[in-house]
């Protein structure tokens, strides 16, 4: 029984992102922009980027994830509303919003682009808002 438990722990330990991938994820999550709250720039103009990320991007979420959604591991800083991170090449998006009593109240997307030295916020939009 102890051997089975040890194998399970070892198997789960390998589920997190590799160190370089973890650093990239944490850099995006620490960047400015709070999905579901912030309206910055022209988020509507980034609809093609959003479609690209949803079609081809890697999807990350908090905690242990299975299937298509990978764990984003442990990051010291992130916006409190982030529920999902999409990453593909030089573009990324965080998605999420406010909840009250478990119900979604707002939902939005913040878009980022990779520069030579960091991830830069391009825009944030609140989905369904004018």
C-alpha atoms as a PDB file:
ATOM      1  CA  UNK A   1       0.000   0.000   0.000  1.00  0.00           C
ATOM      2  CA  UNK A   2       2.853   2.393   0.822  1.00  0.00           C
ATOM      3  CA  UNK A   3       4.438   1.687  -2.552  1.00  0.00           C
ATOM      4  CA  UNK A   4       1.189   2.503  -4.330  1.00  0.00           C
ATOM      5  CA  UNK A   5       0.887   5.791  -2.435  1.00  0.00           C
ATOM      6  CA  UNK A   6       4.509   6.675  -3.252  1.00  0.00           C
ATOM      7  CA  UNK A   7       3.913   5.978  -6.953  1.00  0.00           C
ATOM      8  CA  UNK A   8       0.810   8.165  -6.918  1.00  0.00           C
ATOM      9  CA  UNK A   9       2.744  11.052  -5.334  1.00  0.00           C
ATOM     10  CA  UNK A  10       5.568  10.688  -7.858  1.00  0.00           C
ATOM     11  CA  UNK A  11       3.100  10.591 -10.723  1.00  0.00           C
ATOM     12  CA  UNK A  12       1.342  13.753  -9.547  1.00  0.00           C
ATOM     13  CA  UNK A  13       4.649  15.557  -8.965  1.00  0.00           C
ATOM     14  CA  UNK A  14       5.339  15.306 -12.699  1.00  0.00           C
ATOM     15  CA  UNK A  15       2.050  17.006 -13.603  1.00  0.00           C
ATOM     16  CA  UNK A  16       3.260  20.568 -13.103  1.00  0.00           C
ATOM     17  CA  UNK A  17       4.971  22.654 -15.746  1.00  0.00           C
ATOM     18  CA  UNK A  18       8.699  22.394 -16.436  1.00  0.00           C
ATOM     19  CA  UNK A  19      10.818  25.166 -14.810  1.00  0.00           C
ATOM     20  CA  UNK A  20      11.125  27.337 -17.957  1.00  0.00           C
ATOM     21  CA  UNK A  21       7.418  26.963 -18.702  1.00  0.00           C
ATOM     22  CA  UNK A  22       6.601  27.737 -15.037  1.00  0.00           C
ATOM     23  CA  UNK A  23       8.644  30.959 -15.195  1.00  0.00           C
ATOM     24  CA  UNK A  24       6.820  32.054 -18.350  1.00  0.00           C
ATOM     25  CA  UNK A  25       3.393  31.285 -16.846  1.00  0.00           C
ATOM     26  CA  UNK A  26       4.213  33.176 -13.641  1.00  0.00           C
ATOM     27  CA  UNK A  27       5.464  36.184 -15.638  1.00  0.00           C
ATOM     28  CA  UNK A  28       2.150  36.374 -17.511  1.00  0.00           C
ATOM     29  CA  UNK A  29       0.066  35.926 -14.361  1.00  0.00           C
ATOM     30  CA  UNK A  30       2.062  38.673 -12.598  1.00  0.00           C
ATOM     31  CA  UNK A  31       1.591  41.160 -15.450  1.00  0.00           C
ATOM     32  CA  UNK A  32      -1.016  43.926 -15.021  1.00  0.00           C
ATOM     33  CA  UNK A  33      -4.589  43.318 -16.080  1.00  0.00           C
ATOM     34  CA  UNK A  34      -7.541  41.866 -14.173  1.00  0.00           C
ATOM     35  CA  UNK A  35      -9.921  39.902 -16.394  1.00  0.00           C
ATOM     36  CA  UNK A  36     -13.552  40.662 -15.698  1.00  0.00           C
ATOM     37  CA  UNK A  37     -12.733  44.045 -14.121  1.00  0.00           C
ATOM     38  CA  UNK A  38     -10.365  45.982 -16.390  1.00  0.00           C
ATOM     39  CA  UNK A  39     -11.211  47.670 -19.675  1.00  0.00           C
ATOM     40  CA  UNK A  40      -7.929  48.712 -21.236  1.00  0.00           C
ATOM     41  CA  UNK A  41      -7.127  49.329 -24.907  1.00  0.00           C
ATOM     42  CA  UNK A  42      -9.118  47.858 -27.781  1.00  0.00           C
ATOM     43  CA  UNK A  43      -9.895  44.301 -26.760  1.00  0.00           C
ATOM     44  CA  UNK A  44     -12.388  43.891 -29.602  1.00  0.00           C
ATOM     45  CA  UNK A  45      -9.580  44.424 -32.139  1.00  0.00           C
ATOM     46  CA  UNK A  46      -7.830  41.366 -30.689  1.00  0.00           C
ATOM     47  CA  UNK A  47     -10.641  38.949 -31.582  1.00  0.00           C
ATOM     48  CA  UNK A  48      -8.404  37.176 -34.166  1.00  0.00           C
ATOM     49  CA  UNK A  49      -5.739  36.656 -31.477  1.00  0.00           C
ATOM     50  CA  UNK A  50      -8.402  35.285 -29.124  1.00  0.00           C
ATOM     51  CA  UNK A  51      -9.591  32.822 -31.783  1.00  0.00           C
ATOM     52  CA  UNK A  52      -5.983  31.739 -32.454  1.00  0.00           C
ATOM     53  CA  UNK A  53      -5.346  31.163 -28.757  1.00  0.00           C
ATOM     54  CA  UNK A  54      -8.544  29.178 -28.346  1.00  0.00           C
ATOM     55  CA  UNK A  55      -7.820  27.046 -31.413  1.00  0.00           C
ATOM     56  CA  UNK A  56      -4.097  26.376 -30.961  1.00  0.00           C
ATOM     57  CA  UNK A  57      -3.047  27.629 -27.545  1.00  0.00           C
ATOM     58  CA  UNK A  58      -2.048  25.631 -24.522  1.00  0.00           C
ATOM     59  CA  UNK A  59      -4.661  25.994 -21.783  1.00  0.00           C
ATOM     60  CA  UNK A  60      -3.676  26.279 -18.122  1.00  0.00           C
ATOM     61  CA  UNK A  61      -5.681  26.507 -14.923  1.00  0.00           C
ATOM     62  CA  UNK A  62      -5.119  26.415 -11.167  1.00  0.00           C
ATOM     63  CA  UNK A  63      -4.590  23.208  -9.223  1.00  0.00           C
ATOM     64  CA  UNK A  64      -4.278  19.683 -10.526  1.00  0.00           C
ATOM     65  CA  UNK A  65      -5.823  19.506 -13.990  1.00  0.00           C
ATOM     66  CA  UNK A  66      -6.546  16.612 -16.288  1.00  0.00           C
ATOM     67  CA  UNK A  67      -7.175  16.366 -19.994  1.00  0.00           C
ATOM     68  CA  UNK A  68      -6.825  19.453 -22.172  1.00  0.00           C
ATOM     69  CA  UNK A  69      -6.316  21.913 -19.295  1.00  0.00           C
ATOM     70  CA  UNK A  70      -2.846  21.802 -17.730  1.00  0.00           C
ATOM     71  CA  UNK A  71      -1.894  22.964 -14.267  1.00  0.00           C
ATOM     72  CA  UNK A  72      -0.171  26.355 -14.185  1.00  0.00           C
ATOM     73  CA  UNK A  73       1.726  25.223 -11.102  1.00  0.00           C
ATOM     74  CA  UNK A  74       2.596  27.608  -8.306  1.00  0.00           C
ATOM     75  CA  UNK A  75       2.990  31.304  -8.966  1.00  0.00           C
ATOM     76  CA  UNK A  76       3.481  33.857  -6.197  1.00  0.00           C
ATOM     77  CA  UNK A  77       1.381  36.582  -7.855  1.00  0.00           C
ATOM     78  CA  UNK A  78      -1.734  36.622 -10.009  1.00  0.00           C
ATOM     79  CA  UNK A  79      -4.921  38.622 -10.440  1.00  0.00           C
ATOM     80  CA  UNK A  80      -7.608  37.232  -8.111  1.00  0.00           C
ATOM     81  CA  UNK A  81     -10.099  36.745 -10.947  1.00  0.00           C
ATOM     82  CA  UNK A  82      -7.933  34.654 -13.302  1.00  0.00           C
ATOM     83  CA  UNK A  83      -9.474  31.257 -13.997  1.00  0.00           C
ATOM     84  CA  UNK A  84      -7.645  30.308 -17.186  1.00  0.00           C
ATOM     85  CA  UNK A  85      -4.490  31.131 -19.136  1.00  0.00           C
ATOM     86  CA  UNK A  86      -4.102  30.524 -22.874  1.00  0.00           C
ATOM     87  CA  UNK A  87      -0.614  30.623 -24.373  1.00  0.00           C
ATOM     88  CA  UNK A  88       0.562  30.253 -27.968  1.00  0.00           C
ATOM     89  CA  UNK A  89       3.890  31.547 -29.225  1.00  0.00           C
ATOM     90  CA  UNK A  90       4.182  35.273 -28.612  1.00  0.00           C
ATOM     91  CA  UNK A  91       0.587  35.798 -27.456  1.00  0.00           C
ATOM     92  CA  UNK A  92      -1.237  34.952 -24.242  1.00  0.00           C
ATOM     93  CA  UNK A  93      -4.584  35.693 -22.650  1.00  0.00           C
ATOM     94  CA  UNK A  94      -5.931  35.428 -19.139  1.00  0.00           C
ATOM     95  CA  UNK A  95      -9.645  34.807 -18.726  1.00  0.00           C
ATOM     96  CA  UNK A  96     -11.879  35.042 -15.699  1.00  0.00           C
ATOM     97  CA  UNK A  97     -14.080  37.339 -13.713  1.00  0.00           C
ATOM     98  CA  UNK A  98     -15.947  38.063 -10.550  1.00  0.00           C
ATOM     99  CA  UNK A  99     -18.084  35.460  -8.825  1.00  0.00           C
ATOM    100  CA  UNK A 100     -20.640  35.852  -6.062  1.00  0.00           C
ATOM    101  CA  UNK A 101     -22.043  32.798  -4.288  1.00  0.00           C
ATOM    102  CA  UNK A 102     -20.479  30.638  -7.020  1.00  0.00           C
ATOM    103  CA  UNK A 103     -22.264  32.415  -9.862  1.00  0.00           C
ATOM    104  CA  UNK A 104     -20.307  34.235 -12.568  1.00  0.00           C
ATOM    105  CA  UNK A 105     -21.029  37.990 -12.358  1.00  0.00           C
ATOM    106  CA  UNK A 106     -18.513  39.286 -14.925  1.00  0.00           C
ATOM    107  CA  UNK A 107     -16.182  37.552 -17.360  1.00  0.00           C
ATOM    108  CA  UNK A 108     -13.373  39.120 -19.314  1.00  0.00           C
ATOM    109  CA  UNK A 109     -10.136  38.580 -21.191  1.00  0.00           C
ATOM    110  CA  UNK A 110      -6.769  40.309 -20.955  1.00  0.00           C
ATOM    111  CA  UNK A 111      -4.339  39.967 -23.878  1.00  0.00           C
ATOM    112  CA  UNK A 112      -0.539  39.972 -23.715  1.00  0.00           C
ATOM    113  CA  UNK A 113       2.337  39.938 -26.188  1.00  0.00           C
ATOM    114  CA  UNK A 114       5.868  38.715 -25.550  1.00  0.00           C
ATOM    115  CA  UNK A 115       8.569  41.346 -26.032  1.00  0.00           C
ATOM    116  CA  UNK A 116      12.315  40.756 -25.843  1.00  0.00           C
ATOM    117  CA  UNK A 117      12.329  41.220 -22.074  1.00  0.00           C
ATOM    118  CA  UNK A 118       8.816  40.651 -20.711  1.00  0.00           C
ATOM    119  CA  UNK A 119       5.122  40.016 -21.327  1.00  0.00           C
ATOM    120  CA  UNK A 120       3.322  43.292 -22.090  1.00  0.00           C
ATOM    121  CA  UNK A 121      -0.396  43.922 -21.594  1.00  0.00           C
ATOM    122  CA  UNK A 122      -2.133  44.817 -24.872  1.00  0.00           C
ATOM    123  CA  UNK A 123      -5.758  45.150 -23.796  1.00  0.00           C
ATOM    124  CA  UNK A 124      -8.480  43.898 -21.459  1.00  0.00           C
ATOM    125  CA  UNK A 125     -12.137  43.585 -22.320  1.00  0.00           C
ATOM    126  CA  UNK A 126     -15.209  42.565 -20.419  1.00  0.00           C
ATOM    127  CA  UNK A 127     -17.057  40.030 -22.533  1.00  0.00           C
ATOM    128  CA  UNK A 128     -20.615  40.996 -23.378  1.00  0.00           C
ATOM    129  CA  UNK A 129     -20.041  44.614 -22.313  1.00  0.00           C
ATOM    130  CA  UNK A 130     -20.324  47.481 -24.718  1.00  0.00           C
END
